[in-house]
All heavy atoms as atom14 arrays in JSON, in Angstrom:
{
  "sequence": "ESDADKIKGATQLKFSSNIDDLKLCDLFIVTVPTPINQFKAPDLA",
  "atom14_mask": [
    [1, 1, 1, 1, 1, 1, 1, 1, 1, 0, 0, 0, 0, 0],
    [1, 1, 1, 1, 1, 1, 0, 0, 0, 0, 0, 0, 0, 0],
    [1, 1, 1, 1, 1, 1, 1, 1, 0, 0, 0, 0, 0, 0],
    [1, 1, 1, 1, 1, 0, 0, 0, 0, 0, 0, 0, 0, 0],
    [1, 1, 1, 1, 1, 1, 1, 1, 0, 0, 0, 0, 0, 0],
    [1, 1, 1, 1, 1, 1, 1, 1, 1, 0, 0, 0, 0, 0],
    [1, 1, 1, 1, 1, 1, 1, 1, 0, 0, 0, 0, 0, 0],
    [1, 1, 1, 1, 1, 1, 1, 1, 1, 0, 0, 0, 0, 0],
    [1, 1, 1, 1, 0, 0, 0, 0, 0, 0, 0, 0, 0, 0],
    [1, 1, 1, 1, 1, 0, 0, 0, 0, 0, 0, 0, 0, 0],
    [1, 1, 1, 1, 1, 1, 1, 0, 0, 0, 0, 0, 0, 0],
    [1, 1, 1, 1, 1, 1, 1, 1, 1, 0, 0, 0, 0, 0],
    [1, 1, 1, 1, 1, 1, 1, 1, 0, 0, 0, 0, 0, 0],
    [1, 1, 1, 1, 1, 1, 1, 1, 1, 0, 0, 0, 0, 0],
    [1, 1, 1, 1, 1, 1, 1, 1, 1, 1, 1, 0, 0, 0],
    [1, 1, 1, 1, 1, 1, 0, 0, 0, 0, 0, 0, 0, 0],
    [1, 1, 1, 1, 1, 1, 0, 0, 0, 0, 0, 0, 0, 0],
    [1, 1, 1, 1, 1, 1, 1, 1, 0, 0, 0, 0, 0, 0],
    [1, 1, 1, 1, 1, 1, 1, 1, 0, 0, 0, 0, 0, 0],
    [1, 1, 1, 1, 1, 1, 1, 1, 0, 0, 0, 0, 0, 0],
    [1, 1, 1, 1, 1, 1, 1, 1, 0, 0, 0, 0, 0, 0],
    [1, 1, 1, 1, 1, 1, 1, 1, 0, 0, 0, 0, 0, 0],
    [1, 1, 1, 1, 1, 1, 1, 1, 1, 0, 0, 0, 0, 0],
    [1, 1, 1, 1, 1, 1, 1, 1, 0, 0, 0, 0, 0, 0],
    [1, 1, 1, 1, 1, 1, 0, 0, 0, 0, 0, 0, 0, 0],
    [1, 1, 1, 1, 1, 1, 1, 1, 0, 0, 0, 0, 0, 0],
    [1, 1, 1, 1, 1, 1, 1, 1, 0, 0, 0, 0, 0, 0],
    [1, 1, 1, 1, 1, 1, 1, 1, 1, 1, 1, 0, 0, 0],
    [1, 1, 1, 1, 1, 1, 1, 1, 0, 0, 0, 0, 0, 0],
    [1, 1, 1, 1, 1, 1, 1, 0, 0, 0, 0, 0, 0, 0],
    [1, 1, 1, 1, 1, 1, 1, 0, 0, 0, 0, 0, 0, 0],
    [1, 1, 1, 1, 1, 1, 1, 0, 0, 0, 0, 0, 0, 0],
    [1, 1, 1, 1, 1, 1, 1, 0, 0, 0, 0, 0, 0, 0],
    [1, 1, 1, 1, 1, 1, 1, 0, 0, 0, 0, 0, 0, 0],
    [1, 1, 1, 1, 1, 1, 1, 0, 0, 0, 0, 0, 0, 0],
    [1, 1, 1, 1, 1, 1, 1, 1, 0, 0, 0, 0, 0, 0],
    [1, 1, 1, 1, 1, 1, 1, 1, 0, 0, 0, 0, 0, 0],
    [1, 1, 1, 1, 1, 1, 1, 1, 1, 0, 0, 0, 0, 0],
    [1, 1, 1, 1, 1, 1, 1, 1, 1, 1, 1, 0, 0, 0],
    [1, 1, 1, 1, 1, 1, 1, 1, 1, 0, 0, 0, 0, 0],
    [1, 1, 1, 1, 1, 0, 0, 0, 0, 0, 0, 0, 0, 0],
    [1, 1, 1, 1, 1, 1, 1, 0, 0, 0, 0, 0, 0, 0],
    [1, 1, 1, 1, 1, 1, 1, 1, 0, 0, 0, 0, 0, 0],
    [1, 1, 1, 1, 1, 1, 1, 1, 0, 0, 0, 0, 0, 0],
    [1, 1, 1, 1, 1, 0, 0, 0, 0, 0, 0, 0, 0, 0]
  ],
  "atom14_positions": [
    [[28.57, 11.01, -43.01], [27.82, 11.68, -41.92], [26.99, 12.85, -42.49], [26.11, 13.32, -41.79], [28.78, 12.19, -40.85], [29.45, 11.08, -40.07], [28.42, 10.14, -39.34], [27.59, 10.68, -38.68], [28.51, 8.91, -39.48], [0.0, 0.0, 0.0], [0.0, 0.0, 0.0], [0.0, 0.0, 0.0], [0.0, 0.0, 0.0], [0.0, 0.0, 0.0]],
    [[27.36, 13.33, -43.69], [26.6, 14.36, -44.32], [26.49, 14.05, -45.78], [27.01, 13.05, -46.28], [27.24, 15.72, -44.09], [26.4, 16.79, -44.41], [0.0, 0.0, 0.0], [0.0, 0.0, 0.0], [0.0, 0.0, 0.0], [0.0, 0.0, 0.0], [0.0, 0.0, 0.0], [0.0, 0.0, 0.0], [0.0, 0.0, 0.0], [0.0, 0.0, 0.0]],
    [[25.82, 14.96, -46.57], [25.72, 14.7, -48.0], [25.79, 16.08, -48.69], [25.78, 17.14, -48.05], [24.51, 13.93, -48.39], [23.19, 14.57, -47.87], [23.03, 15.81, -48.0], [22.35, 13.8, -47.38], [0.0, 0.0, 0.0], [0.0, 0.0, 0.0], [0.0, 0.0, 0.0], [0.0, 0.0, 0.0], [0.0, 0.0, 0.0], [0.0, 0.0, 0.0]],
    [[25.78, 16.04, -50.01], [25.92, 17.32, -50.78], [24.78, 18.29, -50.47], [25.03, 19.49, -50.38], [25.95, 16.97, -52.24], [0.0, 0.0, 0.0], [0.0, 0.0, 0.0], [0.0, 0.0, 0.0], [0.0, 0.0, 0.0], [0.0, 0.0, 0.0], [0.0, 0.0, 0.0], [0.0, 0.0, 0.0], [0.0, 0.0, 0.0], [0.0, 0.0, 0.0]],
    [[23.57, 17.79, -50.32], [22.44, 18.71, -50.06], [22.54, 19.43, -48.7], [22.29, 20.59, -48.58], [21.13, 17.93, -50.14], [20.8, 17.48, -51.53], [21.29, 18.11, -52.5], [20.03, 16.51, -51.69], [0.0, 0.0, 0.0], [0.0, 0.0, 0.0], [0.0, 0.0, 0.0], [0.0, 0.0, 0.0], [0.0, 0.0, 0.0], [0.0, 0.0, 0.0]],
    [[22.96, 18.65, -47.67], [23.13, 19.27, -46.37], [24.26, 20.26, -46.32], [24.15, 21.32, -45.74], [23.42, 18.14, -45.3], [22.21, 17.26, -45.0], [22.62, 16.24, -43.99], [21.4, 15.24, -43.72], [21.8, 14.2, -42.76], [0.0, 0.0, 0.0], [0.0, 0.0, 0.0], [0.0, 0.0, 0.0], [0.0, 0.0, 0.0], [0.0, 0.0, 0.0]],
    [[25.37, 19.92, -46.98], [26.52, 20.82, -47.07], [26.16, 22.08, -47.8], [26.45, 23.2, -47.41], [27.7, 20.1, -47.7], [28.24, 18.99, -46.8], [28.86, 21.09, -47.98], [29.28, 18.13, -47.42], [0.0, 0.0, 0.0], [0.0, 0.0, 0.0], [0.0, 0.0, 0.0], [0.0, 0.0, 0.0], [0.0, 0.0, 0.0], [0.0, 0.0, 0.0]],
    [[25.42, 21.89, -48.95], [24.98, 23.04, -49.71], [24.02, 23.94, -48.96], [24.03, 25.14, -49.09], [24.34, 22.56, -51.02], [24.03, 23.67, -52.02], [23.47, 23.08, -53.31], [23.11, 24.21, -54.32], [22.56, 23.63, -55.53], [0.0, 0.0, 0.0], [0.0, 0.0, 0.0], [0.0, 0.0, 0.0], [0.0, 0.0, 0.0], [0.0, 0.0, 0.0]],
    [[23.23, 23.28, -48.09], [22.25, 24.03, -47.3], [22.87, 24.89, -46.22], [22.22, 25.8, -45.71], [0.0, 0.0, 0.0], [0.0, 0.0, 0.0], [0.0, 0.0, 0.0], [0.0, 0.0, 0.0], [0.0, 0.0, 0.0], [0.0, 0.0, 0.0], [0.0, 0.0, 0.0], [0.0, 0.0, 0.0], [0.0, 0.0, 0.0], [0.0, 0.0, 0.0]],
    [[24.08, 24.57, -45.83], [24.79, 25.37, -44.84], [25.41, 26.57, -45.56], [26.62, 26.59, -45.84], [25.85, 24.55, -44.12], [0.0, 0.0, 0.0], [0.0, 0.0, 0.0], [0.0, 0.0, 0.0], [0.0, 0.0, 0.0], [0.0, 0.0, 0.0], [0.0, 0.0, 0.0], [0.0, 0.0, 0.0], [0.0, 0.0, 0.0], [0.0, 0.0, 0.0]],
    [[24.59, 27.54, -45.85], [25.0, 28.66, -46.73], [26.02, 29.57, -46.15], [26.69, 30.31, -46.86], [23.74, 29.5, -47.08], [23.11, 29.96, -45.86], [22.74, 28.66, -47.87], [0.0, 0.0, 0.0], [0.0, 0.0, 0.0], [0.0, 0.0, 0.0], [0.0, 0.0, 0.0], [0.0, 0.0, 0.0], [0.0, 0.0, 0.0], [0.0, 0.0, 0.0]],
    [[26.21, 29.5, -44.81], [27.21, 30.39, -44.18], [28.49, 29.61, -43.82], [29.32, 30.12, -43.02], [26.63, 31.06, -42.96], [25.4, 31.93, -43.28], [24.86, 32.66, -42.06], [25.57, 33.48, -41.44], [23.66, 32.29, -41.64], [0.0, 0.0, 0.0], [0.0, 0.0, 0.0], [0.0, 0.0, 0.0], [0.0, 0.0, 0.0], [0.0, 0.0, 0.0]],
    [[28.64, 28.39, -44.36], [29.77, 27.62, -44.03], [30.82, 27.68, -45.15], [30.51, 27.56, -46.33], [29.35, 26.11, -43.89], [30.43, 25.08, -43.73], [31.31, 25.34, -42.5], [29.82, 23.67, -43.68], [0.0, 0.0, 0.0], [0.0, 0.0, 0.0], [0.0, 0.0, 0.0], [0.0, 0.0, 0.0], [0.0, 0.0, 0.0], [0.0, 0.0, 0.0]],
    [[32.09, 27.91, -44.73], [33.2, 27.92, -45.67], [34.24, 26.89, -45.17], [34.56, 26.83, -43.99], [33.82, 29.31, -45.71], [35.12, 29.36, -46.5], [35.8, 30.77, -46.34], [37.2, 30.76, -47.01], [37.91, 32.04, -46.78], [0.0, 0.0, 0.0], [0.0, 0.0, 0.0], [0.0, 0.0, 0.0], [0.0, 0.0, 0.0], [0.0, 0.0, 0.0]],
    [[34.76, 26.11, -46.09], [35.81, 25.1, -45.74], [37.19, 25.71, -46.03], [37.38, 26.41, -47.02], [35.61, 23.81, -46.52], [34.33, 23.09, -46.18], [33.3, 22.99, -47.08], [34.18, 22.49, -44.9], [32.14, 22.35, -46.8], [33.0, 21.88, -44.63], [31.96, 21.77, -45.53], [0.0, 0.0, 0.0], [0.0, 0.0, 0.0], [0.0, 0.0, 0.0]],
    [[38.11, 25.42, -45.14], [39.47, 25.99, -45.34], [40.53, 25.14, -44.67], [40.28, 24.45, -43.64], [39.52, 27.42, -44.78], [40.83, 27.93, -44.84], [0.0, 0.0, 0.0], [0.0, 0.0, 0.0], [0.0, 0.0, 0.0], [0.0, 0.0, 0.0], [0.0, 0.0, 0.0], [0.0, 0.0, 0.0], [0.0, 0.0, 0.0], [0.0, 0.0, 0.0]],
    [[41.72, 25.21, -45.25], [42.91, 24.58, -44.57], [44.01, 25.69, -44.38], [45.13, 25.42, -44.12], [43.49, 23.46, -45.42], [43.78, 23.87, -46.71], [0.0, 0.0, 0.0], [0.0, 0.0, 0.0], [0.0, 0.0, 0.0], [0.0, 0.0, 0.0], [0.0, 0.0, 0.0], [0.0, 0.0, 0.0], [0.0, 0.0, 0.0], [0.0, 0.0, 0.0]],
    [[43.53, 26.95, -44.56], [44.42, 28.12, -44.43], [44.29, 28.7, -43.04], [43.25, 29.2, -42.65], [44.05, 29.16, -45.49], [44.99, 30.37, -45.47], [45.84, 30.47, -44.59], [44.9, 31.25, -46.44], [0.0, 0.0, 0.0], [0.0, 0.0, 0.0], [0.0, 0.0, 0.0], [0.0, 0.0, 0.0], [0.0, 0.0, 0.0], [0.0, 0.0, 0.0]],
    [[45.38, 28.59, -42.29], [45.34, 29.08, -40.92], [44.99, 30.55, -40.79], [44.37, 30.97, -39.81], [46.74, 28.8, -40.22], [46.98, 27.27, -40.16], [46.79, 29.39, -38.84], [48.35, 26.89, -39.6], [0.0, 0.0, 0.0], [0.0, 0.0, 0.0], [0.0, 0.0, 0.0], [0.0, 0.0, 0.0], [0.0, 0.0, 0.0], [0.0, 0.0, 0.0]],
    [[45.36, 31.33, -41.74], [45.06, 32.78, -41.69], [43.55, 33.05, -41.63], [43.14, 34.06, -41.06], [45.67, 33.5, -42.88], [47.17, 33.59, -42.82], [47.72, 33.52, -41.7], [47.84, 33.74, -43.88], [0.0, 0.0, 0.0], [0.0, 0.0, 0.0], [0.0, 0.0, 0.0], [0.0, 0.0, 0.0], [0.0, 0.0, 0.0], [0.0, 0.0, 0.0]],
    [[42.76, 32.16, -42.18], [41.28, 32.31, -42.15], [40.76, 32.3, -40.71], [39.72, 32.86, -40.43], [40.6, 31.28, -42.97], [40.82, 31.49, -44.49], [41.12, 32.61, -44.88], [40.66, 30.47, -45.25], [0.0, 0.0, 0.0], [0.0, 0.0, 0.0], [0.0, 0.0, 0.0], [0.0, 0.0, 0.0], [0.0, 0.0, 0.0], [0.0, 0.0, 0.0]],
    [[41.5, 31.62, -39.82], [41.08, 31.53, -38.47], [41.22, 32.83, -37.66], [40.6, 32.96, -36.59], [41.85, 30.39, -37.73], [41.71, 28.99, -38.34], [42.55, 28.0, -37.52], [40.24, 28.59, -38.34], [0.0, 0.0, 0.0], [0.0, 0.0, 0.0], [0.0, 0.0, 0.0], [0.0, 0.0, 0.0], [0.0, 0.0, 0.0], [0.0, 0.0, 0.0]],
    [[42.01, 33.73, -38.17], [42.22, 34.98, -37.53], [40.93, 35.86, -37.47], [40.83, 36.74, -36.64], [43.32, 35.79, -38.25], [44.68, 35.15, -38.09], [45.76, 35.94, -38.89], [47.13, 35.31, -38.73], [48.19, 36.02, -39.52], [0.0, 0.0, 0.0], [0.0, 0.0, 0.0], [0.0, 0.0, 0.0], [0.0, 0.0, 0.0], [0.0, 0.0, 0.0]],
    [[39.98, 35.5, -38.26], [38.71, 36.2, -38.28], [37.74, 35.73, -37.23], [36.67, 36.33, -37.02], [38.06, 36.04, -39.69], [38.84, 36.49, -40.88], [38.16, 36.09, -42.18], [39.09, 38.0, -40.86], [0.0, 0.0, 0.0], [0.0, 0.0, 0.0], [0.0, 0.0, 0.0], [0.0, 0.0, 0.0], [0.0, 0.0, 0.0], [0.0, 0.0, 0.0]],
    [[38.08, 34.62, -36.54], [37.15, 33.95, -35.69], [37.21, 34.38, -34.2], [38.29, 34.73, -33.74], [37.29, 32.43, -35.82], [37.01, 31.83, -37.5], [0.0, 0.0, 0.0], [0.0, 0.0, 0.0], [0.0, 0.0, 0.0], [0.0, 0.0, 0.0], [0.0, 0.0, 0.0], [0.0, 0.0, 0.0], [0.0, 0.0, 0.0], [0.0, 0.0, 0.0]],
    [[36.05, 34.27, -33.58], [35.94, 34.61, -32.13], [35.71, 33.35, -31.29], [36.08, 33.31, -30.1], [34.81, 35.58, -31.85], [34.72, 36.65, -32.89], [35.48, 37.59, -32.82], [33.85, 36.56, -33.79], [0.0, 0.0, 0.0], [0.0, 0.0, 0.0], [0.0, 0.0, 0.0], [0.0, 0.0, 0.0], [0.0, 0.0, 0.0], [0.0, 0.0, 0.0]],
    [[35.06, 32.37, -31.91], [34.74, 31.14, -31.22], [35.39, 29.98, -31.93], [35.26, 29.86, -33.15], [33.21, 30.93, -31.22], [32.36, 31.82, -30.32], [30.91, 31.81, -30.77], [32.47, 31.31, -28.88], [0.0, 0.0, 0.0], [0.0, 0.0, 0.0], [0.0, 0.0, 0.0], [0.0, 0.0, 0.0], [0.0, 0.0, 0.0], [0.0, 0.0, 0.0]],
    [[36.07, 29.12, -31.2], [36.77, 28.0, -31.73], [36.25, 26.69, -31.11], [36.14, 26.63, -29.86], [38.27, 28.04, -31.49], [38.92, 29.3, -32.08], [38.99, 30.47, -31.38], [39.49, 29.23, -33.35], [39.58, 31.62, -31.93], [40.1, 30.36, -33.92], [40.11, 31.57, -33.18], [0.0, 0.0, 0.0], [0.0, 0.0, 0.0], [0.0, 0.0, 0.0]],
    [[35.84, 25.7, -31.87], [35.32, 24.45, -31.36], [36.27, 23.34, -31.9], [36.39, 23.16, -33.09], [33.91, 24.21, -31.79], [32.97, 25.35, -31.32], [33.41, 22.88, -31.24], [31.52, 25.18, -31.7], [0.0, 0.0, 0.0], [0.0, 0.0, 0.0], [0.0, 0.0, 0.0], [0.0, 0.0, 0.0], [0.0, 0.0, 0.0], [0.0, 0.0, 0.0]],
    [[36.94, 22.65, -30.97], [37.93, 21.65, -31.31], [37.35, 20.24, -31.33], [36.84, 19.79, -30.28], [39.14, 21.77, -30.35], [40.19, 20.79, -30.7], [39.69, 23.21, -30.28], [0.0, 0.0, 0.0], [0.0, 0.0, 0.0], [0.0, 0.0, 0.0], [0.0, 0.0, 0.0], [0.0, 0.0, 0.0], [0.0, 0.0, 0.0], [0.0, 0.0, 0.0]],
    [[37.43, 19.6, -32.46], [36.88, 18.22, -32.54], [37.92, 17.24, -33.11], [37.57, 16.29, -33.86], [35.66, 18.22, -33.48], [36.06, 18.52, -34.81], [34.62, 19.22, -33.0], [0.0, 0.0, 0.0], [0.0, 0.0, 0.0], [0.0, 0.0, 0.0], [0.0, 0.0, 0.0], [0.0, 0.0, 0.0], [0.0, 0.0, 0.0], [0.0, 0.0, 0.0]],
    [[39.2, 17.45, -32.81], [40.27, 16.57, -33.34], [40.25, 15.24, -32.58], [39.71, 15.12, -31.44], [41.64, 17.24, -33.21], [41.63, 18.52, -34.05], [41.97, 17.54, -31.78], [0.0, 0.0, 0.0], [0.0, 0.0, 0.0], [0.0, 0.0, 0.0], [0.0, 0.0, 0.0], [0.0, 0.0, 0.0], [0.0, 0.0, 0.0], [0.0, 0.0, 0.0]],
    [[40.85, 14.18, -33.14], [40.88, 12.88, -32.47], [41.71, 12.92, -31.2], [42.69, 13.68, -31.08], [41.54, 11.97, -33.53], [41.46, 12.72, -34.79], [41.46, 14.18, -34.48], [0.0, 0.0, 0.0], [0.0, 0.0, 0.0], [0.0, 0.0, 0.0], [0.0, 0.0, 0.0], [0.0, 0.0, 0.0], [0.0, 0.0, 0.0], [0.0, 0.0, 0.0]],
    [[41.35, 12.02, -30.29], [42.15, 11.83, -29.08], [42.34, 10.32, -28.91], [41.66, 9.66, -28.15], [41.47, 12.41, -27.81], [40.07, 12.03, -27.84], [41.6, 13.89, -27.78], [0.0, 0.0, 0.0], [0.0, 0.0, 0.0], [0.0, 0.0, 0.0], [0.0, 0.0, 0.0], [0.0, 0.0, 0.0], [0.0, 0.0, 0.0], [0.0, 0.0, 0.0]],
    [[43.34, 9.77, -29.63], [43.59, 8.34, -29.61], [44.44, 7.9, -28.42], [44.75, 8.7, -27.52], [44.32, 8.09, -30.96], [45.1, 9.4, -31.13], [44.22, 10.47, -30.6], [0.0, 0.0, 0.0], [0.0, 0.0, 0.0], [0.0, 0.0, 0.0], [0.0, 0.0, 0.0], [0.0, 0.0, 0.0], [0.0, 0.0, 0.0], [0.0, 0.0, 0.0]],
    [[44.79, 6.62, -28.44], [45.74, 6.14, -27.48], [46.99, 5.65, -28.24], [46.91, 5.35, -29.44], [45.18, 4.96, -26.63], [44.61, 3.86, -27.53], [44.16, 5.47, -25.64], [44.13, 2.64, -26.76], [0.0, 0.0, 0.0], [0.0, 0.0, 0.0], [0.0, 0.0, 0.0], [0.0, 0.0, 0.0], [0.0, 0.0, 0.0], [0.0, 0.0, 0.0]],
    [[48.15, 5.56, -27.55], [49.36, 5.08, -28.23], [49.53, 3.58, -28.08], [48.63, 2.92, -27.55], [50.59, 5.83, -27.71], [50.82, 5.62, -26.21], [50.37, 4.61, -25.62], [51.51, 6.54, -25.55], [0.0, 0.0, 0.0], [0.0, 0.0, 0.0], [0.0, 0.0, 0.0], [0.0, 0.0, 0.0], [0.0, 0.0, 0.0], [0.0, 0.0, 0.0]],
    [[50.64, 3.05, -28.51], [50.86, 1.59, -28.46], [50.9, 1.07, -27.04], [50.75, -0.14, -26.84], [52.1, 1.2, -29.22], [53.41, 1.66, -28.59], [53.88, 3.0, -29.14], [53.09, 3.9, -29.36], [55.22, 3.15, -29.33], [0.0, 0.0, 0.0], [0.0, 0.0, 0.0], [0.0, 0.0, 0.0], [0.0, 0.0, 0.0], [0.0, 0.0, 0.0]],
    [[51.11, 1.93, -26.08], [51.14, 1.51, -24.64], [49.78, 1.71, -23.98], [49.69, 1.67, -22.76], [52.23, 2.3, -23.93], [53.58, 2.15, -24.57], [54.17, 3.23, -25.18], [54.24, 0.92, -24.53], [55.44, 3.1, -25.75], [55.51, 0.84, -25.14], [56.1, 1.9, -25.77], [0.0, 0.0, 0.0], [0.0, 0.0, 0.0], [0.0, 0.0, 0.0]],
    [[48.74, 2.05, -24.8], [47.36, 2.31, -24.32], [47.33, 3.5, -23.37], [46.45, 3.53, -22.43], [46.77, 1.06, -23.69], [46.77, -0.14, -24.7], [45.96, -1.27, -24.16], [46.04, -2.51, -25.1], [45.62, -2.18, -26.49], [0.0, 0.0, 0.0], [0.0, 0.0, 0.0], [0.0, 0.0, 0.0], [0.0, 0.0, 0.0], [0.0, 0.0, 0.0]],
    [[48.17, 4.47, -23.6], [48.16, 5.73, -22.83], [47.58, 6.83, -23.74], [47.74, 6.76, -24.98], [49.55, 6.08, -22.39], [0.0, 0.0, 0.0], [0.0, 0.0, 0.0], [0.0, 0.0, 0.0], [0.0, 0.0, 0.0], [0.0, 0.0, 0.0], [0.0, 0.0, 0.0], [0.0, 0.0, 0.0], [0.0, 0.0, 0.0], [0.0, 0.0, 0.0]],
    [[46.96, 7.84, -23.14], [46.4, 8.94, -23.96], [47.45, 9.6, -24.85], [48.53, 9.9, -24.43], [45.9, 9.94, -22.92], [45.58, 9.1, -21.72], [46.65, 8.03, -21.7], [0.0, 0.0, 0.0], [0.0, 0.0, 0.0], [0.0, 0.0, 0.0], [0.0, 0.0, 0.0], [0.0, 0.0, 0.0], [0.0, 0.0, 0.0], [0.0, 0.0, 0.0]],
    [[47.07, 9.8, -26.11], [47.91, 10.54, -27.07], [47.24, 11.87, -27.35], [46.3, 12.01, -28.14], [48.03, 9.75, -28.36], [48.88, 10.46, -29.43], [49.44, 11.51, -29.12], [48.95, 9.96, -30.54], [0.0, 0.0, 0.0], [0.0, 0.0, 0.0], [0.0, 0.0, 0.0], [0.0, 0.0, 0.0], [0.0, 0.0, 0.0], [0.0, 0.0, 0.0]],
    [[47.74, 12.91, -26.65], [47.14, 14.23, -26.73], [47.77, 15.11, -27.82], [47.44, 16.26, -27.98], [47.31, 15.01, -25.39], [46.6, 14.38, -24.19], [46.86, 15.21, -22.92], [45.11, 14.27, -24.42], [0.0, 0.0, 0.0], [0.0, 0.0, 0.0], [0.0, 0.0, 0.0], [0.0, 0.0, 0.0], [0.0, 0.0, 0.0], [0.0, 0.0, 0.0]],
    [[48.64, 14.51, -28.63], [49.34, 15.32, -29.67], [48.38, 16.07, -30.6], [48.61, 17.31, -30.77], [50.28, 14.4, -30.48], [0.0, 0.0, 0.0], [0.0, 0.0, 0.0], [0.0, 0.0, 0.0], [0.0, 0.0, 0.0], [0.0, 0.0, 0.0], [0.0, 0.0, 0.0], [0.0, 0.0, 0.0], [0.0, 0.0, 0.0], [0.0, 0.0, 0.0]]
  ]
}
């Protein structure tokens, strides 16, 4: 969906898996998956 040039061009973007880094943030945008389970019911986990 992206490439090295686009990622490099986002000069103010930092990647992290450290939850402490989120303490600096004011705006959160959630884009996690919302699948269904084996019974075809929403899986909100």
